C-alpha atoms as a PDB file:
ATOM      1  CA  MET A   1     101.450 104.399  85.588  1.00  0.00           C
ATOM      2  CA  PRO A   2      98.297 106.606  85.598  1.00  0.00           C
ATOM      3  CA  LYS A   3      96.416 106.597  82.169  1.00  0.00           C
ATOM      4  CA  ALA A   4      95.172 110.027  81.233  1.00  0.00           C
ATOM      5  CA  LEU A   5      92.546 111.356  78.778  1.00  0.00           C
ATOM      6  CA  ILE A   6      92.462 114.975  77.493  1.00  0.00           C
ATOM      7  CA  ILE A   7      88.978 116.440  76.959  1.00  0.00           C
ATOM      8  CA  ASP A   8      89.070 119.927  75.241  1.00  0.00           C
ATOM      9  CA  ASP A   9      87.268 121.305  72.263  1.00  0.00           C
ATOM     10  CA  GLU A  10      90.420 123.220  71.114  1.00  0.00           C
ATOM     11  CA  ARG A  11      92.743 120.860  69.062  1.00  0.00           C
ATOM     12  CA  LEU A  12      95.607 123.370  69.569  1.00  0.00           C
ATOM     13  CA  ALA A  13      95.133 123.221  73.461  1.00  0.00           C
ATOM     14  CA  ARG A  14      95.110 119.356  73.300  1.00  0.00           C
ATOM     15  CA  ASN A  15      98.284 119.273  71.294  1.00  0.00           C
ATOM     16  CA  GLU A  16      99.980 121.805  73.517  1.00  0.00           C
ATOM     17  CA  LEU A  17      99.152 119.705  76.689  1.00  0.00           C
ATOM     18  CA  LYS A  18     100.349 116.547  75.011  1.00  0.00           C
ATOM     19  CA  LYS A  19     103.561 118.166  74.193  1.00  0.00           C
ATOM     20  CA  LEU A  20     104.021 119.367  77.825  1.00  0.00           C
ATOM     21  CA  LEU A  21     103.227 115.935  79.082  1.00  0.00           C
ATOM     22  CA  GLN A  22     105.985 114.413  77.141  1.00  0.00           C
ATOM     23  CA  ASP A  23     108.329 115.621  79.874  1.00  0.00           C
ATOM     24  CA  PHE A  24     106.302 113.488  82.412  1.00  0.00           C
ATOM     25  CA  PRO A  25     106.793 109.839  81.405  1.00  0.00           C
ATOM     26  CA  SER A  26     104.918 108.785  84.552  1.00  0.00           C
ATOM     27  CA  VAL A  27     101.601 109.680  82.857  1.00  0.00           C
ATOM     28  CA  GLU A  28     100.394 107.806  79.762  1.00  0.00           C
ATOM     29  CA  ILE A  29      97.977 109.611  77.400  1.00  0.00           C
ATOM     30  CA  ILE A  30      95.493 107.042  76.237  1.00  0.00           C
ATOM     31  CA  GLY A  31      93.167 109.298  74.230  1.00  0.00           C
ATOM     32  CA  GLU A  32      91.488 112.623  73.675  1.00  0.00           C
ATOM     33  CA  ALA A  33      87.990 114.018  73.190  1.00  0.00           C
ATOM     34  CA  ALA A  34      86.680 117.232  71.641  1.00  0.00           C
ATOM     35  CA  ASN A  35      83.546 117.654  73.647  1.00  0.00           C
ATOM     36  CA  ALA A  36      81.667 116.309  76.758  1.00  0.00           C
ATOM     37  CA  ASN A  37      79.584 113.571  74.990  1.00  0.00           C
ATOM     38  CA  GLU A  38      82.770 112.247  73.276  1.00  0.00           C
ATOM     39  CA  GLY A  39      84.515 112.447  76.673  1.00  0.00           C
ATOM     40  CA  LEU A  40      81.759 110.369  78.329  1.00  0.00           C
ATOM     41  CA  GLU A  41      82.103 107.655  75.625  1.00  0.00           C
ATOM     42  CA  LYS A  42      85.853 107.634  75.912  1.00  0.00           C
ATOM     43  CA  ILE A  43      85.839 107.447  79.765  1.00  0.00           C
ATOM     44  CA  GLU A  44      83.504 104.485  79.567  1.00  0.00           C
ATOM     45  CA  SER A  45      85.540 102.617  76.900  1.00  0.00           C
ATOM     46  CA  LEU A  46      89.094 103.511  78.028  1.00  0.00           C
ATOM     47  CA  ASN A  47      88.542 103.800  81.903  1.00  0.00           C
ATOM     48  CA  PRO A  48      91.315 106.390  82.452  1.00  0.00           C
ATOM     49  CA  ASP A  49      92.719 107.047  85.958  1.00  0.00           C
ATOM     50  CA  LEU A  50      92.970 110.877  85.206  1.00  0.00           C
ATOM     51  CA  ILE A  51      91.250 113.340  82.923  1.00  0.00           C
ATOM     52  CA  PHE A  52      92.408 116.750  81.914  1.00  0.00           C
ATOM     53  CA  LEU A  53      89.097 118.549  81.518  1.00  0.00           C
ATOM     54  CA  ASP A  54      88.318 121.908  79.842  1.00  0.00           C
ATOM     55  CA  ILE A  55      85.299 123.658  81.486  1.00  0.00           C
ATOM     56  CA  GLN A  56      83.855 125.845  78.668  1.00  0.00           C
ATOM     57  CA  MET A  57      82.982 123.578  75.716  1.00  0.00           C
ATOM     58  CA  PRO A  58      80.214 123.710  73.097  1.00  0.00           C
ATOM     59  CA  GLY A  59      77.100 121.957  74.457  1.00  0.00           C
ATOM     60  CA  LYS A  60      77.863 120.627  77.863  1.00  0.00           C
ATOM     61  CA  THR A  61      80.447 122.135  80.163  1.00  0.00           C
ATOM     62  CA  GLY A  62      83.077 120.049  81.858  1.00  0.00           C
ATOM     63  CA  PHE A  63      80.978 120.329  85.132  1.00  0.00           C
ATOM     64  CA  ASP A  64      77.958 119.041  83.327  1.00  0.00           C
ATOM     65  CA  MET A  65      79.937 116.059  81.998  1.00  0.00           C
ATOM     66  CA  LEU A  66      81.152 115.144  85.577  1.00  0.00           C
ATOM     67  CA  THR A  67      77.510 114.978  86.903  1.00  0.00           C
ATOM     68  CA  GLU A  68      76.803 112.178  84.314  1.00  0.00           C
ATOM     69  CA  LEU A  69      79.608 109.967  85.418  1.00  0.00           C
ATOM     70  CA  GLU A  70      78.865 107.012  87.730  1.00  0.00           C
ATOM     71  CA  LYS A  71      82.438 107.008  88.961  1.00  0.00           C
ATOM     72  CA  ALA A  72      84.708 109.888  88.212  1.00  0.00           C
ATOM     73  CA  PRO A  73      88.404 109.489  87.416  1.00  0.00           C
ATOM     74  CA  ARG A  74      90.683 112.111  89.142  1.00  0.00           C
ATOM     75  CA  VAL A  75      90.198 115.404  87.470  1.00  0.00           C
ATOM     76  CA  ILE A  76      92.550 118.251  86.614  1.00  0.00           C
ATOM     77  CA  PHE A  77      90.736 121.225  85.006  1.00  0.00           C
ATOM     78  CA  THR A  78      92.328 123.237  82.321  1.00  0.00           C
ATOM     79  CA  THR A  79      90.662 126.468  81.372  1.00  0.00           C
ATOM     80  CA  ALA A  80      91.153 129.956  80.213  1.00  0.00           C
ATOM     81  CA  TYR A  81      88.797 131.344  82.920  1.00  0.00           C
ATOM     82  CA  ASP A  82      89.605 131.683  86.625  1.00  0.00           C
ATOM     83  CA  GLU A  83      86.048 132.344  87.922  1.00  0.00           C
ATOM     84  CA  PHE A  84      85.342 128.532  88.055  1.00  0.00           C
ATOM     85  CA  ALA A  85      88.155 127.761  90.544  1.00  0.00           C
ATOM     86  CA  LEU A  86      85.936 127.577  93.643  1.00  0.00           C
ATOM     87  CA  LYS A  87      83.474 125.306  91.865  1.00  0.00           C
ATOM     88  CA  ALA A  88      86.259 123.141  90.636  1.00  0.00           C
ATOM     89  CA  PHE A  89      87.412 122.306  94.138  1.00  0.00           C
ATOM     90  CA  GLU A  90      83.814 121.667  95.362  1.00  0.00           C
ATOM     91  CA  VAL A  91      83.768 118.757  92.903  1.00  0.00           C
ATOM     92  CA  ASN A  92      87.054 117.452  94.376  1.00  0.00           C
ATOM     93  CA  ALA A  93      89.260 118.343  91.477  1.00  0.00           C
ATOM     94  CA  LEU A  94      92.950 117.573  91.983  1.00  0.00           C
ATOM     95  CA  ASP A  95      93.985 120.918  90.460  1.00  0.00           C
ATOM     96  CA  TYR A  96      92.907 123.794  88.292  1.00  0.00           C
ATOM     97  CA  LEU A  97      95.319 124.944  85.598  1.00  0.00           C
ATOM     98  CA  MET A  98      94.964 128.129  83.720  1.00  0.00           C
ATOM     99  CA  LYS A  99      95.699 128.181  79.940  1.00  0.00           C
ATOM    100  CA  PRO A 100      98.259 128.537  78.542  1.00  0.00           C
ATOM    101  CA  VAL A 101      99.384 125.789  80.980  1.00  0.00           C
ATOM    102  CA  GLU A 102     102.793 126.441  82.557  1.00  0.00           C
ATOM    103  CA  PRO A 103     105.149 123.500  82.974  1.00  0.00           C
ATOM    104  CA  LYS A 104     105.682 124.211  86.647  1.00  0.00           C
ATOM    105  CA  ARG A 105     101.983 124.305  87.390  1.00  0.00           C
ATOM    106  CA  LEU A 106     101.542 121.017  85.484  1.00  0.00           C
ATOM    107  CA  ALA A 107     104.303 119.449  87.520  1.00  0.00           C
ATOM    108  CA  ASP A 108     102.697 120.618  90.686  1.00  0.00           C
ATOM    109  CA  ALA A 109      99.329 119.085  89.693  1.00  0.00           C
ATOM    110  CA  LEU A 110     100.974 115.747  88.796  1.00  0.00           C
ATOM    111  CA  HIS A 111     102.721 115.869  92.137  1.00  0.00           C
ATOM    112  CA  LYS A 112      99.283 116.106  93.757  1.00  0.00           C
ATOM    113  CA  LEU A 113      98.145 113.207  91.742  1.00  0.00           C
ATOM    114  CA  GLN A 114     101.198 111.077  92.925  1.00  0.00           C
ATOM    115  CA  GLN A 115     100.363 112.151  96.559  1.00  0.00           C
ATOM    116  CA  ALA A 116      96.638 111.214  96.182  1.00  0.00           C
ATOM    117  CA  GLU A 117      97.565 107.844  94.765  1.00  0.00           C
ATOM    118  CA  GLU A 118     100.109 107.106  97.455  1.00  0.00           C
ATOM    119  CA  LYS A 119      97.567 108.097 100.170  1.00  0.00           C
ATOM    120  CA  GLU A 120      94.928 105.858  98.572  1.00  0.00           C
ATOM    121  CA  MET A 121      97.289 102.872  98.453  1.00  0.00           C
ATOM    122  CA  ALA A 122      98.254 103.404 102.011  1.00  0.00           C
ATOM    123  CA  ALA A 123      94.588 103.553 103.024  1.00  0.00           C
ATOM    124  CA  LEU A 124      93.878 100.350 101.167  1.00  0.00           C
ATOM    125  CA  ALA A 125      96.777  98.551 102.726  1.00  0.00           C
ATOM    126  CA  ASN A 126      95.509  99.558 106.234  1.00  0.00           C
ATOM    127  CA  LEU A 127      91.906  98.789 105.482  1.00  0.00           C
ATOM    128  CA  ASN A 128      90.523  95.503 106.541  1.00  0.00           C
ATOM    129  CA  ARG A 129      89.526  94.212 103.163  1.00  0.00           C
ATOM    130  CA  THR A 130      86.976  91.624 104.349  1.00  0.00           C
ATOM    131  CA  MET A 131      83.596  92.043 102.981  1.00  0.00           C
ATOM    132  CA  LEU A 132      80.932  93.397 105.375  1.00  0.00           C
ATOM    133  CA  SER A 133      77.617  91.393 105.607  1.00  0.00           C
ATOM    134  CA  GLU A 134      74.303  92.933 106.562  1.00  0.00           C
ATOM    135  CA  ASN A 135      74.615  91.313 109.990  1.00  0.00           C
ATOM    136  CA  ASP A 136      77.917  93.053 110.678  1.00  0.00           C
ATOM    137  CA  GLN A 137      77.846  95.913 113.130  1.00  0.00           C
ATOM    138  CA  VAL A 138      79.853  99.114 112.280  1.00  0.00           C
ATOM    139  CA  PHE A 139      81.008 101.715 114.622  1.00  0.00           C
ATOM    140  CA  VAL A 140      79.841 105.223 113.552  1.00  0.00           C
ATOM    141  CA  LYS A 141      81.090 108.399 115.359  1.00  0.00           C
ATOM    142  CA  ASP A 142      79.877 111.853 114.654  1.00  0.00           C
ATOM    143  CA  GLY A 143      81.210 114.579 117.035  1.00  0.00           C
ATOM    144  CA  GLU A 144      80.437 113.522 120.516  1.00  0.00           C
ATOM    145  CA  ARG A 145      77.902 110.865 119.554  1.00  0.00           C
ATOM    146  CA  CYS A 146      78.654 107.221 118.797  1.00  0.00           C
ATOM    147  CA  TRP A 147      76.584 104.320 117.490  1.00  0.00           C
ATOM    148  CA  PHE A 148      77.010 100.633 116.777  1.00  0.00           C
ATOM    149  CA  VAL A 149      74.835 100.133 113.791  1.00  0.00           C
ATOM    150  CA  LYS A 150      73.824  96.879 112.204  1.00  0.00           C
ATOM    151  CA  LEU A 151      74.325  97.280 108.480  1.00  0.00           C
ATOM    152  CA  SER A 152      70.793  95.788 107.864  1.00  0.00           C
ATOM    153  CA  GLU A 153      69.476  98.904 109.629  1.00  0.00           C
ATOM    154  CA  VAL A 154      71.258 101.332 107.331  1.00  0.00           C
ATOM    155  CA  ARG A 155      68.872 102.373 104.447  1.00  0.00           C
ATOM    156  CA  LEU A 156      71.096 104.680 102.602  1.00  0.00           C
ATOM    157  CA  PHE A 157      74.685 106.026 102.131  1.00  0.00           C
ATOM    158  CA  GLU A 158      74.979 109.456 100.608  1.00  0.00           C
ATOM    159  CA  SER A 159      78.258 110.979  99.271  1.00  0.00           C
ATOM    160  CA  VAL A 160      79.215 114.332 100.742  1.00  0.00           C
ATOM    161  CA  GLY A 161      82.640 115.150  99.274  1.00  0.00           C
ATOM    162  CA  ASN A 162      85.116 112.791 100.966  1.00  0.00           C
ATOM    163  CA  TYR A 163      82.545 111.857 103.553  1.00  0.00           C
ATOM    164  CA  ALA A 164      79.443 109.648 103.436  1.00  0.00           C
ATOM    165  CA  LYS A 165      76.169 110.440 105.266  1.00  0.00           C
ATOM    166  CA  VAL A 166      74.779 107.225 106.932  1.00  0.00           C
ATOM    167  CA  PHE A 167      70.932 107.042 107.132  1.00  0.00           C
ATOM    168  CA  PHE A 168      69.550 104.735 109.941  1.00  0.00           C
ATOM    169  CA  GLY A 169      66.604 105.315 112.266  1.00  0.00           C
ATOM    170  CA  THR A 170      66.241 109.114 112.618  1.00  0.00           C
ATOM    171  CA  HIS A 171      70.025 109.587 112.450  1.00  0.00           C
ATOM    172  CA  LYS A 172      72.205 110.830 109.518  1.00  0.00           C
ATOM    173  CA  PRO A 173      75.847 111.067 110.816  1.00  0.00           C
ATOM    174  CA  LEU A 174      78.819 111.690 108.538  1.00  0.00           C
ATOM    175  CA  ILE A 175      81.710 109.243 108.349  1.00  0.00           C
ATOM    176  CA  LEU A 176      85.053 109.877 106.682  1.00  0.00           C
ATOM    177  CA  LYS A 177      84.756 107.286 103.967  1.00  0.00           C
ATOM    178  CA  SER A 178      84.235 107.744 100.260  1.00  0.00           C
ATOM    179  CA  LEU A 179      81.336 106.044  98.623  1.00  0.00           C
ATOM    180  CA  ASN A 180      83.649 104.088  96.317  1.00  0.00           C
ATOM    181  CA  ALA A 181      85.537 102.677  99.419  1.00  0.00           C
ATOM    182  CA  LEU A 182      82.138 101.692 101.019  1.00  0.00           C
ATOM    183  CA  GLU A 183      80.965 100.015  97.803  1.00  0.00           C
ATOM    184  CA  ASP A 184      84.119  97.861  97.729  1.00  0.00           C
ATOM    185  CA  ARG A 185      83.266  96.423 101.137  1.00  0.00           C
ATOM    186  CA  LEU A 186      79.460  96.170 101.105  1.00  0.00           C
ATOM    187  CA  ASP A 187      77.559  93.062  99.815  1.00  0.00           C
ATOM    188  CA  GLU A 188      76.388  94.071  96.399  1.00  0.00           C
ATOM    189  CA  ARG A 189      73.323  91.731  96.791  1.00  0.00           C
ATOM    190  CA  ILE A 190      72.025  93.985  99.535  1.00  0.00           C
ATOM    191  CA  PHE A 191      73.552  97.415  98.867  1.00  0.00           C
ATOM    192  CA  PHE A 192      73.137  98.875  95.427  1.00  0.00           C
ATOM    193  CA  ARG A 193      74.939 101.850  93.832  1.00  0.00           C
ATOM    194  CA  ALA A 194      71.960 103.765  92.595  1.00  0.00           C
ATOM    195  CA  ASN A 195      73.910 106.729  91.136  1.00  0.00           C
ATOM    196  CA  ARG A 196      77.133 108.709  91.686  1.00  0.00           C
ATOM    197  CA  LYS A 197      76.024 109.893  95.137  1.00  0.00           C
ATOM    198  CA  HIS A 198      73.947 107.105  96.668  1.00  0.00           C
ATOM    199  CA  ILE A 199      74.212 103.496  97.769  1.00  0.00           C
ATOM    200  CA  VAL A 200      70.794 102.092  98.882  1.00  0.00           C
ATOM    201  CA  ASN A 201      69.850  99.010 101.016  1.00  0.00           C
ATOM    202  CA  LEU A 202      67.625  97.069  98.622  1.00  0.00           C
ATOM    203  CA  ARG A 203      65.569  95.736 101.534  1.00  0.00           C
ATOM    204  CA  MET A 204      64.612  99.318 102.550  1.00  0.00           C
ATOM    205  CA  ILE A 205      62.883 100.050  99.265  1.00  0.00           C
ATOM    206  CA  GLU A 206      59.166 100.501  99.601  1.00  0.00           C
ATOM    207  CA  LYS A 207      58.207 101.610  96.009  1.00  0.00           C
ATOM    208  CA  VAL A 208      59.906 101.729  92.595  1.00  0.00           C
ATOM    209  CA  GLU A 209      58.610 104.226  89.962  1.00  0.00           C
ATOM    210  CA  PRO A 210      59.709 105.044  86.444  1.00  0.00           C
ATOM    211  CA  TYR A 211      61.719 108.272  86.167  1.00  0.00           C
ATOM    212  CA  PHE A 212      63.235 110.729  83.629  1.00  0.00           C
ATOM    213  CA  ASN A 213      65.385 109.372  80.765  1.00  0.00           C
ATOM    214  CA  GLY A 214      64.794 105.650  81.500  1.00  0.00           C
ATOM    215  CA  GLY A 215      65.866 106.043  85.106  1.00  0.00           C
ATOM    216  CA  LEU A 216      63.904 104.857  88.242  1.00  0.00           C
ATOM    217  CA  LEU A 217      62.864 106.581  91.486  1.00  0.00           C
ATOM    218  CA  LEU A 218      63.159 104.608  94.729  1.00  0.00           C
ATOM    219  CA  ASP A 219      61.036 105.390  97.839  1.00  0.00           C
ATOM    220  CA  LEU A 220      62.865 104.259 100.887  1.00  0.00           C
ATOM    221  CA  LYS A 221      61.270 103.333 104.277  1.00  0.00           C
ATOM    222  CA  GLY A 222      62.609 106.501 105.916  1.00  0.00           C
ATOM    223  CA  GLY A 223      60.855 108.659 103.318  1.00  0.00           C
ATOM    224  CA  GLU A 224      63.881 109.412 101.191  1.00  0.00           C
ATOM    225  CA  LYS A 225      63.565 109.390  97.435  1.00  0.00           C
ATOM    226  CA  VAL A 226      66.578 108.210  95.536  1.00  0.00           C
ATOM    227  CA  GLU A 227      67.086 108.427  91.715  1.00  0.00           C
ATOM    228  CA  VAL A 228      68.568 105.390  89.908  1.00  0.00           C
ATOM    229  CA  SER A 229      70.633 106.599  86.892  1.00  0.00           C
ATOM    230  CA  ARG A 230      69.598 105.176  83.453  1.00  0.00           C
ATOM    231  CA  ARG A 231      72.720 102.969  83.334  1.00  0.00           C
ATOM    232  CA  GLN A 232      72.185 101.615  86.824  1.00  0.00           C
ATOM    233  CA  ALA A 233      68.375 101.183  86.264  1.00  0.00           C
ATOM    234  CA  VAL A 234      69.283  98.445  83.687  1.00  0.00           C
ATOM    235  CA  LYS A 235      71.372  96.643  86.349  1.00  0.00           C
ATOM    236  CA  PHE A 236      68.710  97.154  88.990  1.00  0.00           C
ATOM    237  CA  LYS A 237      66.024  95.609  86.798  1.00  0.00           C
ATOM    238  CA  GLU A 238      68.221  92.627  86.111  1.00  0.00           C
ATOM    239  CA  MET A 239      68.953  92.123  89.801  1.00  0.00           C
ATOM    240  CA  MET A 240      65.370  92.506  90.864  1.00  0.00           C
ATOM    241  CA  SER A 241      64.086  90.572  87.692  1.00  0.00           C
ATOM    242  CA  LEU A 242      61.708  93.216  86.786  1.00  0.00           C
END
């Protein structure tokens, strides 16, 4: 049963949504938050599978909040404004519900959630779950071009929606794999999740510099610069014994 968190600055809107969700026992409401900062805290402590997220809130918007998450749960936006719809789907939202939320639209959104979960479970079942070592070769195909790449030669994986860009040599092909799926299979002693969008090969780092808000900036051998988020910087320093 997916666990859901409601993030909305209007108490009335939160109550209305909770009331509507009573008709959908497949979803369990585990908490609510009245702004983005509270939402970030609740996501970290409660680890929901799904968030119902308002866009326009005092302080940070719902979009701002998402950029601060290391790993985002599934997102259904709830908003009184329709001009954000395109941006909502750019950040891979499951759905975009206009307020006042209609029961039928809510049912559609939750059906999409169920489909996404079933698809993910099927993909996991089909995936060879063995861990990949740096000596393993992976097959990468991008259009007409194909490569067998040794993982030790990959310096960076970058998230591009549902794809990942693989940086090796002078090449940057796209593969149909999410960063989370890659992270599950890569050796964490070699490949480090620097932030929401990047996994870096620790052996390809040439320089480490302090960066904004307690983060770090990594210079890679290919010339790429990758920011390590503040939270991951703590983990990075522990791993590298800095």
